[in-house]
Amino acid sequence: MPITLDPSLPRSLYPLAWLIGEWEGSGALAAPSPDTPDVRVEQRLVCTAQEDGTLAWRSTIHRVDAPAPLPPTSAFARAEDGDDDASAAPSTGERSLLHREDGVWTVGDLLPGQDRAAAEAARPGSPEGQLSHHLEARFERRGEAAETWRGEVRGPRLQLALPGADGEVAATRMVGYISGRLMWLWEQRGPAPEGAPGETALLPHLSLELHRV
């Protein structure tokens, strides 16, 4: 699905034009252990261009007492073991707030090695016409310290990482615009499954598939 640029959009936000708008959808909150099923979540997301050239992000996610869906993309794949049991589990459909999050996104300079002239000369929509920009997002959730995530955006895809106190990446977020839908995955560092004592890995936390409202 083509992306139409609003002529009033600040030029600094062109790389995030595909993210602007209102979105709704559902996904999965990863279970704390392999022996329990994932939990269904539903999200409403509003991304708004601001006059200062930044993007405002407002996310509201509810936990739903119902089987978690499995979005049709390999980025959200999980083991099939136990899925039959999860889908058969009794549920009430009751909703409870998981979190509300406000954020401000800032697109920075081009990453080193980018050829702006070649990208501008490329066929519109082609991979050669895409440029990678630095990206920073600052998120705030009630009762928690503000977080500053950094990464890059290239075409209709972006990735962000949150640095940990020990120098390792504490969490990542990957967002993509695919066939008119917004898909994103949030991973957090935790004990590595079947790993050595003290070994950690980035593990799925939230995975969602949204449609534009």
N, C-alpha and C. Protein backbone atom coordinates (compact mmCIF):
# COMPACT_ATOMS: atom_id res chain seq x y z
N MET A 1 0.85 -1.19 0.00
CA MET A 1 0.00 0.00 0.00
C MET A 1 0.88 1.24 0.00
N PRO A 2 0.72 2.17 -0.97
CA PRO A 2 1.58 3.35 -1.04
C PRO A 2 1.35 4.27 0.14
N ILE A 3 2.39 5.04 0.48
CA ILE A 3 2.31 6.00 1.56
C ILE A 3 2.21 7.38 0.96
N THR A 4 1.19 8.14 1.30
CA THR A 4 0.99 9.48 0.79
C THR A 4 1.52 10.49 1.78
N LEU A 5 2.42 11.38 1.32
CA LEU A 5 2.99 12.38 2.19
C LEU A 5 2.05 13.57 2.32
N ASP A 6 1.79 13.98 3.55
CA ASP A 6 1.03 15.20 3.81
C ASP A 6 1.96 16.38 3.51
N PRO A 7 1.58 17.30 2.60
CA PRO A 7 2.47 18.41 2.26
C PRO A 7 2.79 19.33 3.43
N SER A 8 1.97 19.27 4.50
CA SER A 8 2.24 20.11 5.67
C SER A 8 3.17 19.43 6.67
N LEU A 9 3.56 18.19 6.38
CA LEU A 9 4.41 17.44 7.31
C LEU A 9 5.81 18.04 7.36
N PRO A 10 6.37 18.26 8.57
CA PRO A 10 7.75 18.74 8.65
C PRO A 10 8.69 17.78 7.92
N ARG A 11 9.63 18.32 7.19
CA ARG A 11 10.53 17.49 6.39
C ARG A 11 11.29 16.49 7.25
N SER A 12 11.57 16.87 8.50
CA SER A 12 12.32 15.98 9.38
C SER A 12 11.57 14.68 9.66
N LEU A 13 10.23 14.69 9.45
CA LEU A 13 9.43 13.51 9.74
C LEU A 13 9.13 12.66 8.51
N TYR A 14 9.66 13.02 7.36
CA TYR A 14 9.43 12.21 6.17
C TYR A 14 9.77 10.74 6.40
N PRO A 15 10.90 10.42 7.08
CA PRO A 15 11.22 9.00 7.29
C PRO A 15 10.20 8.24 8.13
N LEU A 16 9.37 8.96 8.91
CA LEU A 16 8.37 8.32 9.77
C LEU A 16 6.94 8.56 9.27
N ALA A 17 6.79 9.01 8.03
CA ALA A 17 5.45 9.33 7.52
C ALA A 17 4.53 8.12 7.59
N TRP A 18 5.08 6.91 7.40
CA TRP A 18 4.27 5.69 7.40
C TRP A 18 3.73 5.35 8.79
N LEU A 19 4.29 5.94 9.83
CA LEU A 19 3.88 5.63 11.20
C LEU A 19 2.80 6.57 11.70
N ILE A 20 2.66 7.73 11.07
CA ILE A 20 1.74 8.75 11.54
C ILE A 20 0.29 8.31 11.33
N GLY A 21 -0.52 8.53 12.35
CA GLY A 21 -1.94 8.18 12.27
C GLY A 21 -2.41 7.47 13.53
N GLU A 22 -3.62 6.92 13.46
CA GLU A 22 -4.20 6.18 14.58
C GLU A 22 -4.30 4.71 14.19
N TRP A 23 -3.93 3.84 15.13
CA TRP A 23 -3.86 2.41 14.87
C TRP A 23 -4.55 1.64 15.99
N GLU A 24 -5.11 0.50 15.65
CA GLU A 24 -5.68 -0.41 16.64
C GLU A 24 -5.39 -1.85 16.22
N GLY A 25 -5.26 -2.72 17.21
CA GLY A 25 -5.04 -4.12 16.89
C GLY A 25 -4.78 -4.94 18.13
N SER A 26 -4.33 -6.15 17.91
CA SER A 26 -4.14 -7.09 19.02
C SER A 26 -2.84 -7.85 18.84
N GLY A 27 -2.49 -8.57 19.87
CA GLY A 27 -1.26 -9.35 19.83
C GLY A 27 -1.10 -10.16 21.09
N ALA A 28 0.15 -10.45 21.43
CA ALA A 28 0.43 -11.35 22.55
C ALA A 28 1.41 -10.72 23.53
N LEU A 29 1.12 -10.90 24.81
CA LEU A 29 2.05 -10.62 25.89
C LEU A 29 2.68 -11.95 26.25
N ALA A 30 4.00 -12.04 26.12
CA ALA A 30 4.68 -13.31 26.32
C ALA A 30 4.49 -13.80 27.75
N ALA A 31 4.24 -15.08 27.88
CA ALA A 31 4.07 -15.70 29.19
C ALA A 31 5.42 -15.73 29.92
N PRO A 32 5.39 -15.67 31.25
CA PRO A 32 6.66 -15.67 32.01
C PRO A 32 7.38 -17.01 31.99
N SER A 33 6.70 -18.08 31.60
CA SER A 33 7.35 -19.40 31.54
C SER A 33 6.78 -20.19 30.39
N PRO A 34 7.53 -21.17 29.87
CA PRO A 34 7.03 -21.97 28.75
C PRO A 34 5.81 -22.82 29.10
N ASP A 35 5.55 -22.98 30.39
CA ASP A 35 4.44 -23.84 30.80
C ASP A 35 3.10 -23.12 30.84
N THR A 36 3.10 -21.80 30.62
CA THR A 36 1.85 -21.04 30.65
C THR A 36 1.63 -20.38 29.29
N PRO A 37 0.38 -20.20 28.87
CA PRO A 37 0.11 -19.63 27.55
C PRO A 37 0.34 -18.12 27.53
N ASP A 38 0.63 -17.60 26.33
CA ASP A 38 0.70 -16.16 26.16
C ASP A 38 -0.67 -15.54 26.43
N VAL A 39 -0.66 -14.23 26.69
CA VAL A 39 -1.89 -13.51 27.03
C VAL A 39 -2.23 -12.56 25.89
N ARG A 40 -3.51 -12.48 25.55
CA ARG A 40 -3.95 -11.56 24.51
C ARG A 40 -3.84 -10.11 25.01
N VAL A 41 -3.38 -9.22 24.14
CA VAL A 41 -3.36 -7.80 24.45
C VAL A 41 -3.99 -7.05 23.27
N GLU A 42 -4.56 -5.88 23.57
CA GLU A 42 -5.13 -5.02 22.54
C GLU A 42 -4.57 -3.62 22.73
N GLN A 43 -4.22 -2.99 21.62
CA GLN A 43 -3.54 -1.69 21.69
C GLN A 43 -4.26 -0.65 20.85
N ARG A 44 -4.27 0.57 21.36
CA ARG A 44 -4.63 1.74 20.56
C ARG A 44 -3.40 2.64 20.56
N LEU A 45 -2.98 3.03 19.37
CA LEU A 45 -1.76 3.80 19.20
C LEU A 45 -2.06 5.04 18.37
N VAL A 46 -1.62 6.20 18.85
CA VAL A 46 -1.80 7.45 18.13
C VAL A 46 -0.43 8.09 17.94
N CYS A 47 -0.04 8.32 16.68
CA CYS A 47 1.24 8.94 16.35
C CYS A 47 0.96 10.25 15.62
N THR A 48 1.41 11.36 16.19
CA THR A 48 1.03 12.69 15.70
C THR A 48 2.27 13.53 15.41
N ALA A 49 2.29 14.14 14.22
CA ALA A 49 3.38 15.06 13.88
C ALA A 49 3.23 16.34 14.69
N GLN A 50 4.35 16.85 15.22
CA GLN A 50 4.34 18.07 16.01
C GLN A 50 5.06 19.19 15.26
N GLU A 51 4.71 20.42 15.60
CA GLU A 51 5.26 21.56 14.88
C GLU A 51 6.77 21.67 14.98
N ASP A 52 7.36 21.12 16.05
CA ASP A 52 8.81 21.22 16.21
C ASP A 52 9.56 20.15 15.43
N GLY A 53 8.82 19.37 14.62
CA GLY A 53 9.48 18.36 13.79
C GLY A 53 9.68 17.02 14.46
N THR A 54 9.10 16.84 15.66
CA THR A 54 9.16 15.54 16.33
C THR A 54 7.82 14.83 16.18
N LEU A 55 7.78 13.58 16.59
CA LEU A 55 6.58 12.77 16.52
C LEU A 55 6.12 12.42 17.93
N ALA A 56 4.86 12.69 18.23
CA ALA A 56 4.29 12.30 19.53
C ALA A 56 3.70 10.90 19.41
N TRP A 57 3.99 10.05 20.39
CA TRP A 57 3.54 8.66 20.43
C TRP A 57 2.72 8.47 21.69
N ARG A 58 1.50 7.99 21.55
CA ARG A 58 0.67 7.67 22.72
C ARG A 58 0.10 6.27 22.55
N SER A 59 0.48 5.38 23.43
CA SER A 59 0.11 3.97 23.35
C SER A 59 -0.67 3.56 24.59
N THR A 60 -1.81 2.90 24.37
CA THR A 60 -2.59 2.33 25.47
C THR A 60 -2.78 0.85 25.18
N ILE A 61 -2.31 -0.01 26.07
CA ILE A 61 -2.38 -1.45 25.87
C ILE A 61 -3.15 -2.08 27.03
N HIS A 62 -4.16 -2.89 26.69
CA HIS A 62 -4.94 -3.62 27.68
C HIS A 62 -4.65 -5.12 27.57
N ARG A 63 -4.58 -5.74 28.71
CA ARG A 63 -4.52 -7.20 28.79
C ARG A 63 -5.95 -7.73 28.72
N VAL A 64 -6.16 -8.78 27.92
CA VAL A 64 -7.49 -9.35 27.74
C VAL A 64 -7.45 -10.82 28.15
N ASP A 65 -8.41 -11.22 28.96
CA ASP A 65 -8.49 -12.62 29.37
C ASP A 65 -9.08 -13.44 28.22
N ALA A 66 -8.20 -13.78 27.27
CA ALA A 66 -8.60 -14.54 26.08
C ALA A 66 -7.33 -15.11 25.45
N PRO A 67 -7.44 -16.18 24.66
CA PRO A 67 -6.25 -16.74 24.02
C PRO A 67 -5.54 -15.70 23.15
N ALA A 68 -4.23 -15.73 23.18
CA ALA A 68 -3.45 -14.78 22.39
C ALA A 68 -3.46 -15.18 20.92
N PRO A 69 -3.63 -14.21 20.02
CA PRO A 69 -3.57 -14.53 18.58
C PRO A 69 -2.12 -14.72 18.15
N LEU A 70 -1.93 -15.34 17.01
CA LEU A 70 -0.59 -15.51 16.44
C LEU A 70 -0.56 -14.77 15.11
N PRO A 71 -0.02 -13.54 15.08
CA PRO A 71 0.00 -12.78 13.84
C PRO A 71 0.72 -13.53 12.73
N PRO A 72 0.28 -13.37 11.47
CA PRO A 72 0.84 -14.13 10.36
C PRO A 72 2.15 -13.58 9.86
N THR A 73 3.17 -13.57 10.69
CA THR A 73 4.49 -13.14 10.28
C THR A 73 5.52 -13.86 11.11
N SER A 74 6.63 -14.24 10.49
CA SER A 74 7.64 -15.03 11.18
C SER A 74 8.28 -14.26 12.32
N ALA A 75 8.18 -12.93 12.30
CA ALA A 75 8.78 -12.13 13.37
C ALA A 75 8.12 -12.41 14.70
N PHE A 76 6.89 -12.93 14.68
CA PHE A 76 6.18 -13.18 15.92
C PHE A 76 6.02 -14.68 16.19
N ALA A 77 6.75 -15.50 15.45
CA ALA A 77 6.58 -16.95 15.58
C ALA A 77 6.94 -17.42 16.98
N ARG A 78 6.26 -18.45 17.42
CA ARG A 78 6.56 -19.06 18.72
C ARG A 78 6.38 -20.56 18.56
N ALA A 79 6.82 -21.30 19.54
CA ALA A 79 6.70 -22.75 19.47
C ALA A 79 5.24 -23.16 19.45
N GLU A 80 4.95 -24.23 18.71
CA GLU A 80 3.57 -24.70 18.62
C GLU A 80 3.20 -25.61 19.78
N ASP A 81 4.19 -26.07 20.52
CA ASP A 81 3.90 -26.97 21.63
C ASP A 81 2.99 -26.29 22.63
N GLY A 82 1.91 -26.94 22.93
CA GLY A 82 0.99 -26.43 23.95
C GLY A 82 -0.01 -25.45 23.42
N ASP A 83 0.06 -25.08 22.11
CA ASP A 83 -0.88 -24.11 21.57
C ASP A 83 -2.32 -24.60 21.67
N ASP A 84 -2.52 -25.92 21.45
CA ASP A 84 -3.88 -26.46 21.54
C ASP A 84 -4.45 -26.28 22.93
N ASP A 85 -3.59 -26.52 23.94
CA ASP A 85 -4.05 -26.35 25.31
C ASP A 85 -4.39 -24.90 25.59
N ALA A 86 -3.56 -23.95 25.04
CA ALA A 86 -3.78 -22.53 25.29
C ALA A 86 -5.10 -22.09 24.69
N SER A 87 -5.38 -22.54 23.46
CA SER A 87 -6.60 -22.10 22.80
C SER A 87 -7.84 -22.67 23.48
N ALA A 88 -7.66 -23.78 24.22
CA ALA A 88 -8.80 -24.40 24.87
C ALA A 88 -9.02 -23.87 26.29
N ALA A 89 -8.08 -23.02 26.76
CA ALA A 89 -8.19 -22.52 28.13
C ALA A 89 -9.42 -21.64 28.28
N PRO A 90 -10.13 -21.75 29.41
CA PRO A 90 -11.31 -20.91 29.61
C PRO A 90 -10.90 -19.45 29.71
N SER A 91 -11.76 -18.54 29.24
CA SER A 91 -11.46 -17.12 29.28
C SER A 91 -12.74 -16.34 29.49
N THR A 92 -12.59 -15.12 30.04
CA THR A 92 -13.74 -14.29 30.36
C THR A 92 -13.85 -13.07 29.45
N GLY A 93 -12.77 -12.73 28.72
CA GLY A 93 -12.76 -11.53 27.91
C GLY A 93 -12.58 -10.26 28.72
N GLU A 94 -12.35 -10.39 30.01
CA GLU A 94 -12.17 -9.22 30.88
C GLU A 94 -10.92 -8.45 30.48
N ARG A 95 -11.00 -7.11 30.47
CA ARG A 95 -9.89 -6.25 30.09
C ARG A 95 -9.31 -5.55 31.32
N SER A 96 -7.99 -5.43 31.35
CA SER A 96 -7.33 -4.67 32.40
C SER A 96 -6.16 -3.93 31.77
N LEU A 97 -5.89 -2.73 32.25
CA LEU A 97 -4.85 -1.90 31.68
C LEU A 97 -3.47 -2.50 31.96
N LEU A 98 -2.72 -2.71 30.90
CA LEU A 98 -1.33 -3.16 31.05
C LEU A 98 -0.41 -1.97 31.23
N HIS A 99 -0.48 -1.02 30.31
CA HIS A 99 0.23 0.24 30.51
C HIS A 99 -0.20 1.31 29.50
N ARG A 100 0.00 2.55 29.93
CA ARG A 100 -0.12 3.69 29.03
C ARG A 100 1.28 4.27 28.87
N GLU A 101 1.58 4.68 27.66
CA GLU A 101 2.93 5.16 27.38
C GLU A 101 2.86 6.37 26.47
N ASP A 102 3.59 7.42 26.83
CA ASP A 102 3.73 8.60 25.98
C ASP A 102 5.18 8.70 25.55
N GLY A 103 5.39 9.13 24.33
CA GLY A 103 6.75 9.23 23.84
C GLY A 103 6.93 10.37 22.86
N VAL A 104 8.18 10.75 22.67
CA VAL A 104 8.56 11.74 21.67
C VAL A 104 9.68 11.15 20.84
N TRP A 105 9.45 11.09 19.52
CA TRP A 105 10.42 10.52 18.59
C TRP A 105 11.11 11.64 17.82
N THR A 106 12.43 11.51 17.66
CA THR A 106 13.21 12.50 16.93
C THR A 106 14.05 11.80 15.88
N VAL A 107 13.89 12.21 14.62
CA VAL A 107 14.71 11.67 13.54
C VAL A 107 15.97 12.52 13.43
N GLY A 108 17.14 11.86 13.43
CA GLY A 108 18.40 12.56 13.38
C GLY A 108 19.02 12.55 11.98
N ASP A 109 20.32 12.74 11.96
CA ASP A 109 21.06 12.80 10.70
C ASP A 109 21.14 11.44 10.03
N LEU A 110 21.60 11.45 8.79
CA LEU A 110 21.83 10.20 8.09
C LEU A 110 22.95 9.42 8.76
N LEU A 111 22.83 8.10 8.75
CA LEU A 111 23.92 7.27 9.24
C LEU A 111 25.11 7.39 8.29
N PRO A 112 26.32 7.17 8.79
CA PRO A 112 27.50 7.26 7.93
C PRO A 112 27.40 6.33 6.73
N GLY A 113 27.97 6.79 5.60
CA GLY A 113 28.03 5.95 4.41
C GLY A 113 26.81 6.06 3.51
N GLN A 114 25.84 6.92 3.85
CA GLN A 114 24.65 7.07 3.04
C GLN A 114 24.92 8.00 1.85
N ASP A 115 24.37 7.67 0.71
CA ASP A 115 24.54 8.46 -0.51
C ASP A 115 23.20 9.11 -0.86
N ARG A 116 23.02 10.34 -0.41
CA ARG A 116 21.75 11.01 -0.62
C ARG A 116 21.47 11.25 -2.11
N ALA A 117 22.49 11.62 -2.85
CA ALA A 117 22.30 11.90 -4.27
C ALA A 117 21.83 10.65 -5.01
N ALA A 118 22.44 9.50 -4.72
CA ALA A 118 22.04 8.26 -5.38
C ALA A 118 20.62 7.87 -5.00
N ALA A 119 20.25 8.10 -3.73
CA ALA A 119 18.90 7.76 -3.28
C ALA A 119 17.86 8.65 -3.97
N GLU A 120 18.16 9.92 -4.14
CA GLU A 120 17.22 10.83 -4.78
C GLU A 120 17.06 10.51 -6.26
N ALA A 121 18.10 9.91 -6.86
CA ALA A 121 18.05 9.57 -8.28
C ALA A 121 17.40 8.22 -8.53
N ALA A 122 17.20 7.44 -7.47
CA ALA A 122 16.66 6.08 -7.63
C ALA A 122 15.17 6.12 -7.93
N ARG A 123 14.67 5.01 -8.44
CA ARG A 123 13.25 4.89 -8.73
C ARG A 123 12.45 4.98 -7.44
N PRO A 124 11.37 5.78 -7.40
CA PRO A 124 10.56 5.90 -6.17
C PRO A 124 10.08 4.55 -5.68
N GLY A 125 10.25 4.33 -4.38
CA GLY A 125 9.80 3.07 -3.77
C GLY A 125 10.81 1.95 -3.83
N SER A 126 11.91 2.14 -4.54
CA SER A 126 12.91 1.08 -4.65
C SER A 126 13.81 1.08 -3.41
N PRO A 127 14.42 -0.07 -3.08
CA PRO A 127 15.33 -0.12 -1.93
C PRO A 127 16.49 0.86 -2.06
N GLU A 128 16.93 1.12 -3.29
CA GLU A 128 18.05 2.04 -3.50
C GLU A 128 17.68 3.47 -3.11
N GLY A 129 16.38 3.77 -3.06
CA GLY A 129 15.95 5.11 -2.70
C GLY A 129 15.74 5.32 -1.22
N GLN A 130 16.03 4.31 -0.41
CA GLN A 130 15.84 4.41 1.03
C GLN A 130 17.14 4.79 1.72
N LEU A 131 17.02 5.66 2.69
CA LEU A 131 18.17 6.13 3.46
C LEU A 131 17.97 5.79 4.93
N SER A 132 19.06 5.52 5.63
CA SER A 132 19.01 5.19 7.06
C SER A 132 19.31 6.43 7.89
N HIS A 133 18.41 6.75 8.80
CA HIS A 133 18.58 7.89 9.70
C HIS A 133 18.71 7.43 11.14
N HIS A 134 19.48 8.21 11.91
CA HIS A 134 19.48 8.01 13.35
C HIS A 134 18.07 8.28 13.88
N LEU A 135 17.69 7.56 14.93
CA LEU A 135 16.37 7.70 15.52
C LEU A 135 16.48 7.64 17.03
N GLU A 136 15.79 8.54 17.70
CA GLU A 136 15.75 8.53 19.17
C GLU A 136 14.31 8.65 19.63
N ALA A 137 13.95 7.88 20.65
CA ALA A 137 12.60 7.94 21.21
C ALA A 137 12.70 7.96 22.74
N ARG A 138 11.97 8.86 23.34
CA ARG A 138 11.94 8.95 24.80
C ARG A 138 10.54 8.58 25.26
N PHE A 139 10.44 7.53 26.08
CA PHE A 139 9.15 7.00 26.52
C PHE A 139 8.95 7.24 28.01
N GLU A 140 7.70 7.54 28.38
CA GLU A 140 7.34 7.70 29.78
C GLU A 140 6.10 6.88 30.08
N ARG A 141 6.14 6.11 31.18
CA ARG A 141 5.01 5.36 31.67
C ARG A 141 4.83 5.70 33.15
N ARG A 142 3.57 5.85 33.55
CA ARG A 142 3.29 6.29 34.92
C ARG A 142 3.94 5.35 35.93
N GLY A 143 4.62 5.94 36.90
CA GLY A 143 5.24 5.16 37.96
C GLY A 143 6.59 4.58 37.60
N GLU A 144 7.10 4.87 36.38
CA GLU A 144 8.38 4.34 35.96
C GLU A 144 9.28 5.48 35.49
N ALA A 145 10.59 5.26 35.55
CA ALA A 145 11.53 6.26 35.08
C ALA A 145 11.46 6.37 33.55
N ALA A 146 11.65 7.58 33.03
CA ALA A 146 11.64 7.78 31.59
C ALA A 146 12.81 7.01 30.97
N GLU A 147 12.59 6.54 29.74
CA GLU A 147 13.60 5.75 29.03
C GLU A 147 13.94 6.41 27.71
N THR A 148 15.21 6.42 27.36
CA THR A 148 15.65 6.93 26.06
C THR A 148 16.18 5.78 25.23
N TRP A 149 15.50 5.51 24.12
CA TRP A 149 15.87 4.45 23.21
C TRP A 149 16.51 5.06 21.97
N ARG A 150 17.47 4.36 21.36
CA ARG A 150 18.14 4.87 20.16
C ARG A 150 18.26 3.76 19.12
N GLY A 151 18.22 4.18 17.87
CA GLY A 151 18.33 3.20 16.79
C GLY A 151 18.33 3.87 15.45
N GLU A 152 17.64 3.26 14.49
CA GLU A 152 17.62 3.81 13.14
C GLU A 152 16.29 3.50 12.46
N VAL A 153 15.98 4.30 11.44
CA VAL A 153 14.82 4.07 10.59
C VAL A 153 15.31 4.04 9.15
N ARG A 154 14.83 3.05 8.40
CA ARG A 154 15.16 2.92 6.98
C ARG A 154 13.92 2.45 6.25
N GLY A 155 13.41 3.29 5.36
CA GLY A 155 12.17 2.94 4.69
C GLY A 155 11.07 2.73 5.72
N PRO A 156 10.14 1.80 5.48
CA PRO A 156 9.03 1.59 6.41
C PRO A 156 9.37 0.60 7.53
N ARG A 157 10.59 0.69 8.05
CA ARG A 157 11.01 -0.19 9.15
C ARG A 157 11.94 0.59 10.08
N LEU A 158 11.83 0.28 11.36
CA LEU A 158 12.71 0.92 12.32
C LEU A 158 13.06 -0.07 13.42
N GLN A 159 14.18 0.19 14.07
CA GLN A 159 14.57 -0.61 15.23
C GLN A 159 15.18 0.32 16.27
N LEU A 160 14.87 0.02 17.53
CA LEU A 160 15.36 0.81 18.66
C LEU A 160 15.95 -0.13 19.70
N ALA A 161 16.90 0.38 20.47
CA ALA A 161 17.49 -0.41 21.55
C ALA A 161 17.59 0.46 22.79
N LEU A 162 17.39 -0.17 23.94
CA LEU A 162 17.51 0.50 25.24
C LEU A 162 18.76 -0.02 25.92
N PRO A 163 19.74 0.85 26.19
CA PRO A 163 20.96 0.37 26.85
C PRO A 163 20.72 0.04 28.31
N GLY A 164 21.38 -1.01 28.80
CA GLY A 164 21.28 -1.39 30.20
C GLY A 164 22.43 -0.80 31.00
N ALA A 165 22.30 -0.85 32.32
CA ALA A 165 23.34 -0.29 33.19
C ALA A 165 24.66 -1.03 33.04
N ASP A 166 24.60 -2.32 32.63
CA ASP A 166 25.81 -3.12 32.51
C ASP A 166 26.44 -3.01 31.12
N GLY A 167 25.89 -2.14 30.28
CA GLY A 167 26.45 -1.97 28.95
C GLY A 167 25.80 -2.85 27.90
N GLU A 168 25.05 -3.87 28.33
CA GLU A 168 24.34 -4.71 27.38
C GLU A 168 23.02 -4.06 26.97
N VAL A 169 22.49 -4.49 25.84
CA VAL A 169 21.18 -4.02 25.41
C VAL A 169 20.12 -4.63 26.31
N ALA A 170 19.32 -3.78 26.96
CA ALA A 170 18.31 -4.26 27.91
C ALA A 170 17.02 -4.65 27.21
N ALA A 171 16.72 -3.99 26.08
CA ALA A 171 15.47 -4.25 25.37
C ALA A 171 15.58 -3.72 23.95
N THR A 172 14.77 -4.25 23.06
CA THR A 172 14.72 -3.77 21.68
C THR A 172 13.27 -3.65 21.24
N ARG A 173 13.03 -2.78 20.27
CA ARG A 173 11.74 -2.69 19.61
C ARG A 173 11.98 -2.65 18.10
N MET A 174 11.18 -3.40 17.38
CA MET A 174 11.25 -3.42 15.92
C MET A 174 9.84 -3.17 15.39
N VAL A 175 9.71 -2.19 14.50
CA VAL A 175 8.41 -1.81 13.96
C VAL A 175 8.50 -1.80 12.44
N GLY A 176 7.49 -2.34 11.77
CA GLY A 176 7.47 -2.35 10.32
C GLY A 176 6.08 -2.13 9.76
N TYR A 177 6.02 -1.49 8.60
CA TYR A 177 4.77 -1.25 7.89
C TYR A 177 4.73 -2.24 6.74
N ILE A 178 3.83 -3.22 6.84
CA ILE A 178 3.80 -4.33 5.89
C ILE A 178 2.37 -4.49 5.37
N SER A 179 2.20 -4.33 4.06
CA SER A 179 0.90 -4.52 3.41
C SER A 179 -0.23 -3.75 4.11
N GLY A 180 0.06 -2.52 4.48
CA GLY A 180 -0.95 -1.67 5.10
C GLY A 180 -1.16 -1.90 6.58
N ARG A 181 -0.42 -2.83 7.16
CA ARG A 181 -0.54 -3.10 8.59
C ARG A 181 0.74 -2.69 9.31
N LEU A 182 0.60 -2.37 10.58
CA LEU A 182 1.75 -2.03 11.41
C LEU A 182 2.04 -3.23 12.31
N MET A 183 3.24 -3.76 12.21
CA MET A 183 3.63 -4.90 13.04
C MET A 183 4.84 -4.50 13.87
N TRP A 184 4.77 -4.85 15.15
CA TRP A 184 5.94 -4.53 15.97
C TRP A 184 6.16 -5.55 17.06
N LEU A 185 7.43 -5.67 17.42
CA LEU A 185 7.88 -6.65 18.40
C LEU A 185 8.75 -5.95 19.43
N TRP A 186 8.47 -6.20 20.71
CA TRP A 186 9.23 -5.64 21.82
C TRP A 186 9.87 -6.81 22.55
N GLU A 187 11.18 -6.78 22.65
CA GLU A 187 11.91 -7.82 23.37
C GLU A 187 12.59 -7.24 24.60
N GLN A 188 12.70 -8.05 25.65
CA GLN A 188 13.38 -7.64 26.87
C GLN A 188 14.39 -8.70 27.28
N ARG A 189 15.44 -8.25 27.93
CA ARG A 189 16.46 -9.21 28.35
C ARG A 189 16.00 -9.98 29.59
N GLY A 190 16.22 -11.28 29.56
CA GLY A 190 15.84 -12.13 30.67
C GLY A 190 16.70 -13.38 30.68
N PRO A 191 16.50 -14.26 31.66
CA PRO A 191 17.27 -15.50 31.71
C PRO A 191 17.11 -16.30 30.42
N ALA A 192 18.22 -16.75 29.87
CA ALA A 192 18.19 -17.50 28.62
C ALA A 192 17.56 -18.87 28.84
N PRO A 193 16.54 -19.22 28.06
CA PRO A 193 15.94 -20.55 28.20
C PRO A 193 16.99 -21.64 27.98
N GLU A 194 17.07 -22.56 28.92
CA GLU A 194 18.02 -23.67 28.84
C GLU A 194 19.47 -23.19 28.77
N GLY A 195 19.71 -21.94 29.21
CA GLY A 195 21.06 -21.41 29.21
C GLY A 195 21.80 -21.73 30.49
N ALA A 196 23.07 -21.38 30.52
CA ALA A 196 23.88 -21.58 31.71
C ALA A 196 23.43 -20.62 32.81
N PRO A 197 23.72 -20.92 34.07
CA PRO A 197 23.35 -20.01 35.16
C PRO A 197 23.89 -18.61 34.91
N GLY A 198 23.02 -17.62 35.02
CA GLY A 198 23.43 -16.25 34.80
C GLY A 198 23.40 -15.81 33.34
N GLU A 199 23.21 -16.73 32.42
CA GLU A 199 23.18 -16.37 31.00
C GLU A 199 21.85 -15.70 30.66
N THR A 200 21.92 -14.62 29.87
CA THR A 200 20.71 -13.89 29.50
C THR A 200 20.56 -13.81 27.98
N ALA A 201 19.37 -13.45 27.54
CA ALA A 201 19.09 -13.30 26.12
C ALA A 201 17.92 -12.34 25.96
N LEU A 202 17.78 -11.78 24.76
CA LEU A 202 16.62 -10.95 24.46
C LEU A 202 15.46 -11.86 24.12
N LEU A 203 14.35 -11.72 24.85
CA LEU A 203 13.20 -12.61 24.71
C LEU A 203 11.95 -11.79 24.36
N PRO A 204 11.02 -12.36 23.58
CA PRO A 204 9.79 -11.64 23.25
C PRO A 204 9.04 -11.20 24.50
N HIS A 205 8.58 -9.96 24.47
CA HIS A 205 7.75 -9.41 25.55
C HIS A 205 6.35 -9.10 25.01
N LEU A 206 6.28 -8.28 23.97
CA LEU A 206 5.02 -7.94 23.32
C LEU A 206 5.17 -8.08 21.81
N SER A 207 4.17 -8.63 21.15
CA SER A 207 4.13 -8.65 19.69
C SER A 207 2.72 -8.28 19.27
N LEU A 208 2.61 -7.31 18.36
CA LEU A 208 1.30 -6.80 17.99
C LEU A 208 1.20 -6.56 16.50
N GLU A 209 -0.02 -6.67 16.00
CA GLU A 209 -0.34 -6.37 14.61
C GLU A 209 -1.51 -5.39 14.61
N LEU A 210 -1.30 -4.21 14.04
CA LEU A 210 -2.28 -3.13 14.10
C LEU A 210 -2.75 -2.75 12.69
N HIS A 211 -3.97 -2.24 12.62
CA HIS A 211 -4.48 -1.69 11.37
C HIS A 211 -4.79 -0.20 11.58
N ARG A 212 -4.70 0.55 10.50
CA ARG A 212 -4.95 1.99 10.60
C ARG A 212 -6.45 2.25 10.79
N VAL A 213 -6.76 3.11 11.75
CA VAL A 213 -8.16 3.43 12.05
C VAL A 213 -8.65 4.45 11.02
